[in-house]
Protein backbone atom coordinates (compact mmCIF):
# COMPACT_ATOMS: atom_id res chain seq x y z
CA MET A 1 -6.23 14.92 7.45
CA GLU A 2 -5.25 16.05 3.96
CA LEU A 3 -6.29 14.40 0.71
CA SER A 4 -3.76 12.78 -1.59
CA PHE A 5 -3.89 10.90 -4.88
CA ARG A 6 -1.58 8.26 -6.27
CA TRP A 7 0.11 9.16 -9.55
CA TYR A 8 2.27 6.82 -11.64
CA GLY A 9 4.36 9.47 -13.33
CA GLU A 10 4.46 10.91 -16.82
CA ASP A 11 3.10 7.70 -18.37
CA ASP A 12 0.00 7.72 -16.17
CA PRO A 13 -3.12 8.47 -18.25
CA VAL A 14 -4.43 10.33 -15.19
CA THR A 15 -2.64 13.67 -15.35
CA LEU A 16 -1.63 16.03 -12.58
CA GLU A 17 -4.00 18.56 -14.12
CA ASN A 18 -6.86 16.07 -13.74
CA ILE A 19 -5.95 15.40 -10.12
CA LYS A 20 -5.60 19.10 -9.25
CA GLN A 21 -9.27 19.63 -10.14
CA ILE A 22 -10.52 17.24 -7.44
CA PRO A 23 -11.89 19.42 -4.60
CA ASP A 24 -9.44 20.03 -1.75
CA MET A 25 -6.77 17.78 -3.25
CA LYS A 26 -3.42 18.66 -1.68
CA HIS A 27 -0.83 15.89 -2.19
CA ILE A 28 0.54 13.58 -4.83
CA VAL A 29 1.73 10.16 -3.70
CA SER A 30 4.25 8.73 -6.13
CA ALA A 31 7.58 6.97 -6.62
CA ILE A 32 10.43 6.55 -9.09
CA TYR A 33 9.26 3.55 -11.04
CA ASP A 34 12.14 2.92 -13.44
CA VAL A 35 14.92 2.43 -10.88
CA PRO A 36 15.51 -1.30 -10.30
CA VAL A 37 14.58 -2.52 -6.83
CA GLY A 38 17.57 -2.24 -4.51
CA GLU A 39 19.33 0.59 -6.33
CA VAL A 40 19.65 4.07 -4.85
CA TRP A 41 17.14 6.80 -5.63
CA THR A 42 19.39 9.76 -6.39
CA THR A 43 18.77 13.28 -5.15
CA GLU A 44 18.55 14.47 -8.75
CA ARG A 45 15.79 12.02 -9.71
CA ILE A 46 13.80 12.78 -6.58
CA ALA A 47 14.16 16.52 -7.11
CA LYS A 48 12.93 16.22 -10.69
CA LEU A 49 9.80 14.34 -9.57
CA LYS A 50 9.19 16.88 -6.81
CA GLN A 51 9.54 19.80 -9.21
CA THR A 52 7.05 18.26 -11.65
CA ILE A 53 4.47 17.76 -8.92
CA GLU A 54 4.94 21.17 -7.35
CA ALA A 55 4.69 22.86 -10.75
CA ALA A 56 1.12 21.54 -10.88
CA GLY A 57 0.33 23.19 -7.54
CA LEU A 58 0.45 19.99 -5.46
CA LYS A 59 2.71 18.75 -2.65
CA PHE A 60 5.06 15.76 -2.66
CA GLU A 61 5.67 14.55 0.88
CA VAL A 62 4.65 10.87 0.71
CA VAL A 63 6.42 8.16 -1.28
CA GLU A 64 4.56 5.00 -2.24
CA SER A 65 6.54 2.89 -2.34
CA LEU A 66 10.27 2.56 -1.78
CA PRO A 67 10.43 -1.19 -2.48
CA VAL A 68 12.23 -3.64 -0.23
CA SER A 69 14.20 -6.16 -2.30
CA GLU A 70 13.48 -9.87 -2.11
CA GLU A 71 17.07 -10.39 -0.95
CA ILE A 72 16.28 -8.43 2.21
CA LYS A 73 13.00 -10.25 2.76
CA LEU A 74 14.70 -13.60 2.32
CA GLY A 75 17.69 -12.60 4.45
CA THR A 76 20.41 -13.46 1.92
CA ASP A 77 24.07 -12.45 2.05
CA LYS A 78 23.28 -9.46 -0.16
CA ARG A 79 20.93 -7.79 2.30
CA ASP A 80 23.48 -5.60 4.11
CA GLU A 81 24.52 -3.87 0.90
CA LEU A 82 20.89 -3.40 -0.11
CA ILE A 83 19.95 -2.01 3.30
CA GLU A 84 22.75 0.56 2.91
CA ASN A 85 21.25 1.55 -0.45
CA TYR A 86 17.83 1.86 1.17
CA LYS A 87 19.25 4.13 3.86
CA THR A 88 20.89 6.33 1.22
CA SER A 89 17.57 6.64 -0.60
CA LEU A 90 15.87 7.65 2.67
CA VAL A 91 18.45 10.40 3.21
CA ASN A 92 17.97 11.66 -0.35
CA LEU A 93 14.19 11.67 0.08
CA ALA A 94 14.44 13.60 3.33
CA GLU A 95 16.63 16.21 1.64
CA ASN A 96 13.79 16.74 -0.83
CA GLY A 97 11.14 17.25 1.84
CA VAL A 98 9.59 13.75 1.88
CA LYS A 99 8.09 13.01 5.29
CA THR A 100 6.56 9.54 4.87
CA VAL A 101 7.86 6.47 3.04
CA THR A 102 5.53 3.54 2.44
CA TYR A 103 6.85 0.01 1.97
CA ASN A 104 5.62 -3.56 2.28
CA PHE A 105 7.13 -6.88 3.27
CA MET A 106 4.99 -9.10 1.05
CA PRO A 107 6.99 -11.94 -0.51
CA VAL A 108 7.23 -12.08 -4.34
CA PHE A 109 4.25 -9.89 -5.18
CA ASP A 110 2.12 -7.06 -3.87
CA TRP A 111 -1.66 -7.26 -3.98
CA THR A 112 -3.13 -10.31 -5.71
CA ARG A 113 -6.54 -10.73 -7.31
CA SER A 114 -8.17 -13.49 -9.34
CA GLN A 115 -9.81 -11.05 -11.80
CA LEU A 116 -9.43 -7.36 -12.66
CA ASP A 117 -12.63 -6.74 -14.62
CA TYR A 118 -15.42 -8.41 -12.63
CA GLU A 119 -18.71 -6.78 -13.66
CA LEU A 120 -20.94 -5.43 -10.91
CA SER A 121 -24.72 -5.12 -11.19
CA ASP A 122 -24.44 -1.43 -12.15
CA GLY A 123 -22.24 -2.28 -15.16
CA SER A 124 -18.98 -1.04 -13.64
CA ASN A 125 -15.90 -3.27 -13.47
CA THR A 126 -13.90 -4.02 -10.36
CA LEU A 127 -11.21 -6.20 -8.79
CA ILE A 128 -12.16 -9.48 -7.12
CA TYR A 129 -10.39 -12.20 -5.17
CA LYS A 130 -12.05 -15.64 -5.17
CA HIS A 131 -10.17 -18.01 -2.93
CA ASP A 132 -11.80 -21.13 -4.38
CA GLN A 133 -10.31 -20.35 -7.78
CA LEU A 134 -6.76 -20.25 -6.38
CA LYS A 135 -6.55 -22.46 -3.29
CA ASP A 136 -5.70 -25.67 -5.16
CA ILE A 137 -3.40 -24.09 -7.76
CA ASP A 138 0.38 -24.41 -7.51
CA PRO A 139 2.15 -21.64 -9.46
CA LEU A 140 5.23 -23.88 -9.78
CA THR A 141 3.31 -26.39 -11.88
CA THR A 142 0.75 -24.11 -13.52
CA ASP A 143 1.26 -21.42 -16.14
CA LEU A 144 -0.14 -18.75 -13.86
CA ASN A 145 0.23 -14.98 -14.05
CA LEU A 146 -2.06 -13.32 -11.57
CA PRO A 147 -2.89 -9.62 -11.21
CA GLY A 148 -0.45 -8.07 -8.76
CA TRP A 149 2.51 -10.25 -9.72
CA ASP A 150 5.70 -8.46 -10.67
CA GLU A 151 6.10 -9.07 -14.39
CA SER A 152 9.75 -8.02 -14.31
CA TYR A 153 10.66 -11.51 -13.08
CA SER A 154 11.29 -14.29 -15.56
CA ARG A 155 9.45 -17.55 -15.03
CA GLU A 156 12.65 -19.12 -13.72
CA GLU A 157 13.24 -16.25 -11.28
CA MET A 158 9.65 -16.37 -10.09
CA ASN A 159 9.82 -20.12 -9.45
CA HIS A 160 13.09 -19.68 -7.55
CA LEU A 161 11.54 -17.00 -5.32
CA ILE A 162 8.41 -19.03 -4.62
CA THR A 163 10.51 -22.09 -3.73
CA SER A 164 12.77 -20.00 -1.49
CA TYR A 165 9.87 -18.46 0.42
CA ARG A 166 8.23 -21.83 0.91
CA GLU A 167 11.36 -22.88 2.78
CA ILE A 168 11.10 -20.12 5.39
CA SER A 169 8.61 -19.82 8.23
CA ASP A 170 6.58 -16.88 9.51
CA GLU A 171 9.13 -16.56 12.30
CA GLN A 172 12.02 -16.33 9.86
CA LEU A 173 10.20 -13.69 7.84
CA TRP A 174 9.61 -11.73 11.05
CA GLU A 175 13.31 -11.99 11.88
CA ASN A 176 14.17 -10.66 8.44
CA LEU A 177 11.75 -7.76 8.90
CA LYS A 178 13.34 -6.98 12.27
CA TYR A 179 16.83 -7.07 10.72
CA PHE A 180 15.67 -4.62 8.03
CA LEU A 181 14.05 -2.26 10.53
CA ASP A 182 17.02 -2.41 12.90
CA GLY A 183 19.11 -1.33 9.93
CA VAL A 184 17.01 1.49 8.49
CA LEU A 185 15.11 2.98 11.43
CA PRO A 186 18.09 4.88 12.90
CA THR A 187 18.42 6.69 9.57
CA ALA A 188 14.66 7.34 9.40
CA ILE A 189 14.67 8.71 12.94
CA GLU A 190 17.73 10.90 12.34
CA HIS A 191 16.18 12.43 9.22
CA ASP A 192 12.62 12.56 10.59
CA ILE A 193 11.07 10.22 8.05
CA ASP A 194 8.10 8.10 9.06
CA LEU A 195 8.19 4.56 7.69
CA ALA A 196 4.72 3.17 6.99
CA ILE A 197 4.32 -0.55 6.32
CA HIS A 198 1.39 -1.57 4.11
CA PRO A 199 -0.58 -4.65 5.21
CA ASP A 200 -0.46 -7.80 3.13
CA ASP A 201 -3.14 -7.99 0.46
CA PRO A 202 -4.91 -10.33 0.86
CA PRO A 203 -4.01 -10.60 4.56
CA TRP A 204 -3.46 -14.36 4.65
CA PRO A 205 -0.91 -16.82 3.23
CA ILE A 206 -1.33 -17.84 -0.41
CA PHE A 207 0.42 -20.55 -2.43
CA GLY A 208 2.25 -21.79 0.66
CA ILE A 209 4.11 -18.49 1.08
CA PRO A 210 4.11 -16.72 4.47
CA ARG A 211 2.46 -13.36 5.01
CA ILE A 212 2.80 -11.62 8.34
CA ILE A 213 1.32 -8.07 8.33
CA LYS A 214 -2.41 -8.69 8.54
CA ASN A 215 -4.09 -7.88 11.89
CA LYS A 216 -3.84 -6.26 15.32
CA ASP A 217 -1.44 -8.89 16.65
CA SER A 218 0.97 -8.35 13.77
CA TYR A 219 0.99 -4.57 14.33
CA GLU A 220 1.68 -5.08 18.02
CA ARG A 221 4.61 -7.29 17.11
CA LEU A 222 5.85 -4.74 14.57
CA LEU A 223 5.89 -2.00 17.19
CA SER A 224 7.62 -4.28 19.69
CA ILE A 225 10.61 -4.27 17.33
CA ASN A 226 10.97 -0.53 17.89
CA ASP A 227 8.34 1.69 19.50
CA SER A 228 9.61 4.88 17.88
CA LYS A 229 6.89 6.90 16.18
CA ASN A 230 8.90 6.58 12.97
CA ASN A 231 8.17 2.84 12.94
CA GLY A 232 4.68 3.11 11.59
CA ILE A 233 1.72 1.94 9.61
CA CYS A 234 0.06 2.60 6.28
CA PHE A 235 -3.50 1.81 7.34
CA CYS A 236 -5.31 0.30 4.34
CA THR A 237 -9.01 -0.18 5.02
CA GLY A 238 -9.39 -2.45 1.98
CA SER A 239 -6.57 -4.86 2.75
CA LEU A 240 -7.40 -5.04 6.45
CA GLY A 241 -11.15 -4.93 5.85
CA SER A 242 -11.11 -8.12 3.80
CA LEU A 243 -10.41 -10.04 7.03
CA ALA A 244 -13.52 -10.06 9.23
CA GLU A 245 -11.57 -10.22 12.51
CA ASN A 246 -10.10 -6.76 11.94
CA ALA A 247 -12.10 -4.15 13.87
CA LEU A 248 -10.76 -1.16 11.96
CA PRO A 249 -11.90 1.77 14.18
CA SER A 250 -10.58 0.01 17.29
CA MET A 251 -7.25 -0.68 15.58
CA ILE A 252 -6.93 2.98 14.59
CA ARG A 253 -7.49 4.10 18.17
CA THR A 254 -5.02 1.50 19.44
CA PHE A 255 -2.13 2.41 17.14
CA GLY A 256 -2.71 6.16 17.10
CA GLU A 257 0.48 8.10 16.39
CA HIS A 258 2.03 5.18 14.51
CA ILE A 259 -0.48 5.60 11.67
CA HIS A 260 1.18 7.89 9.12
CA PHE A 261 -0.79 7.29 5.93
CA VAL A 262 -4.29 5.99 5.21
CA HIS A 263 -5.69 4.18 2.18
CA MET A 264 -9.47 4.52 2.11
CA ARG A 265 -11.40 1.97 0.08
CA ASN A 266 -14.26 -0.43 0.63
CA VAL A 267 -14.47 -4.17 0.08
CA LYS A 268 -17.39 -6.56 0.27
CA ARG A 269 -16.48 -9.83 1.95
CA LEU A 270 -18.02 -12.75 0.06
CA ASP A 271 -16.81 -15.41 2.49
CA SER A 272 -13.93 -15.81 4.95
CA HIS A 273 -11.28 -15.59 2.21
CA SER A 274 -13.00 -13.98 -0.79
CA PHE A 275 -13.95 -10.38 -1.49
CA LEU A 276 -14.64 -7.84 -4.20
CA GLU A 277 -13.88 -4.15 -4.32
CA THR A 278 -16.88 -1.84 -4.30
CA GLY A 279 -17.58 1.85 -4.50
CA HIS A 280 -16.31 3.77 -1.48
CA LEU A 281 -19.66 4.22 0.32
CA SER A 282 -20.12 2.24 3.54
CA LYS A 283 -23.38 0.64 2.40
CA ASN A 284 -21.70 -0.80 -0.69
CA GLY A 285 -19.30 -3.02 1.24
CA SER A 286 -18.22 -4.44 4.58
CA VAL A 287 -16.23 -1.45 5.88
CA ASP A 288 -17.91 1.30 7.92
CA MET A 289 -16.11 4.19 6.28
CA LYS A 290 -17.70 6.83 8.53
CA ALA A 291 -16.56 4.95 11.64
CA VAL A 292 -13.03 4.83 10.21
CA VAL A 293 -12.96 8.61 9.72
CA GLU A 294 -14.43 9.15 13.20
CA ALA A 295 -11.61 7.06 14.66
CA LEU A 296 -9.03 9.06 12.70
CA GLN A 297 -10.59 12.24 14.07
CA ASP A 298 -10.40 10.80 17.60
CA ILE A 299 -6.62 10.22 17.30
CA ASN A 300 -6.19 13.68 15.79
CA PHE A 301 -4.73 12.20 12.61
CA LYS A 302 -2.71 14.84 10.75
CA GLY A 303 -1.31 12.70 7.95
CA THR A 304 -2.41 12.15 4.38
CA ILE A 305 -5.31 10.03 3.26
CA ARG A 306 -6.04 8.87 -0.25
CA PRO A 307 -8.86 7.14 -2.09
CA ASP A 308 -7.55 3.73 -2.98
CA HIS A 309 -8.54 1.30 -5.73
CA GLY A 310 -11.52 2.45 -7.74
CA ARG A 311 -13.88 0.71 -10.12
CA MET A 312 -13.77 1.40 -13.83
CA ILE A 313 -16.87 3.48 -14.53
CA TRP A 314 -18.33 5.57 -17.37
CA GLY A 315 -16.36 3.67 -19.98
CA GLU A 316 -12.94 4.59 -18.59
CA THR A 317 -10.05 2.27 -19.37
CA GLY A 318 -6.54 2.20 -17.93
CA LYS A 319 -4.55 0.73 -15.05
CA ALA A 320 -6.94 -1.55 -13.17
CA GLY A 321 -7.97 0.03 -9.88
CA TYR A 322 -6.28 3.32 -10.72
CA GLY A 323 -8.59 5.18 -13.06
CA LEU A 324 -9.56 8.79 -12.43
CA PHE A 325 -13.32 8.82 -12.17
CA ASP A 326 -14.16 6.45 -9.32
CA ARG A 327 -11.15 7.49 -7.26
CA ALA A 328 -12.24 11.12 -7.69
CA LEU A 329 -15.71 10.13 -6.46
CA GLY A 330 -14.03 8.41 -3.54
CA ALA A 331 -12.07 11.56 -2.74
CA THR A 332 -15.22 13.70 -2.65
CA TYR A 333 -16.91 11.10 -0.43
CA ILE A 334 -13.94 11.19 1.95
CA ASN A 335 -14.15 15.00 1.91
CA GLY A 336 -17.77 14.75 3.03
CA LEU A 337 -16.97 12.29 5.80
CA ILE A 338 -14.13 14.49 7.10
CA GLU A 339 -16.33 17.58 7.12
CA GLY A 340 -19.16 15.66 8.73
CA VAL A 341 -17.15 14.28 11.65
CA SER A 342 -15.20 17.50 12.23
CA LYS A 343 -18.20 19.81 12.68
């Protein structure tokens, strides 16, 4: 297990110099954020990002994320062309030493929360998802812009996507995921890149839109598409931990070599479909973080692991969930857990 830290590029207020000072930090996890979804990541752009990271004394072997276009997820006539672009990007990444590529298959948006600055009892601010605040809201009839929504879409485009996804079933979304993987996995296997799918966040349907990567059953179905090691998982303890049915240590031991990347964060479940994000310590939330690291040790996990969403503490401001201070505390906590279970 080697520590990594997500970095959003030159515009990130958290600098590579800051990250380098975190004890035993080895990797930067990043992406090319200004290339429109579906277009090719060129070798030149990837090389430039790699050079910047390596100049700071860190490694660049994990991409988070190479986005999958909505056209692929919806299965439109444009998907074949976009899958070819995705394959070209994978080849270019492999040529620059990237070993793991994270992606998700969440329709319309990535993670969704109801509030980004919920105040905890210690005065820190965190992300929270309250299902009761959202369950009766229809984004087609309400002027709604939730945290986690892609702001690059116009209102008209967003409404079109939501309507389109409401017309497809879970089974159709699974078929579209299979079509995508059937298209890109041969390239990933040939160039020795591990694909790592991130679970849906939250791991249940919202606004009448299907979500399919959420629990043990969904991972078993994913691997039934292709059991190659390269068809793998980004194991996010926060996303999966917000659903009580997910026994995280057992899932880690079950899926073993297919786990290529780990997001470590804690959540406190408030009810069956509501949660808030806490500090990383086990006692602060609903996830037994030590048991997770023990399970990773049991499967001899050799991939990268990163502290995920952090609170805003000590007056820090910036990208919600992605400040320096609490994620650095999370990294040192993970360091302690790794040392504790390995000795």
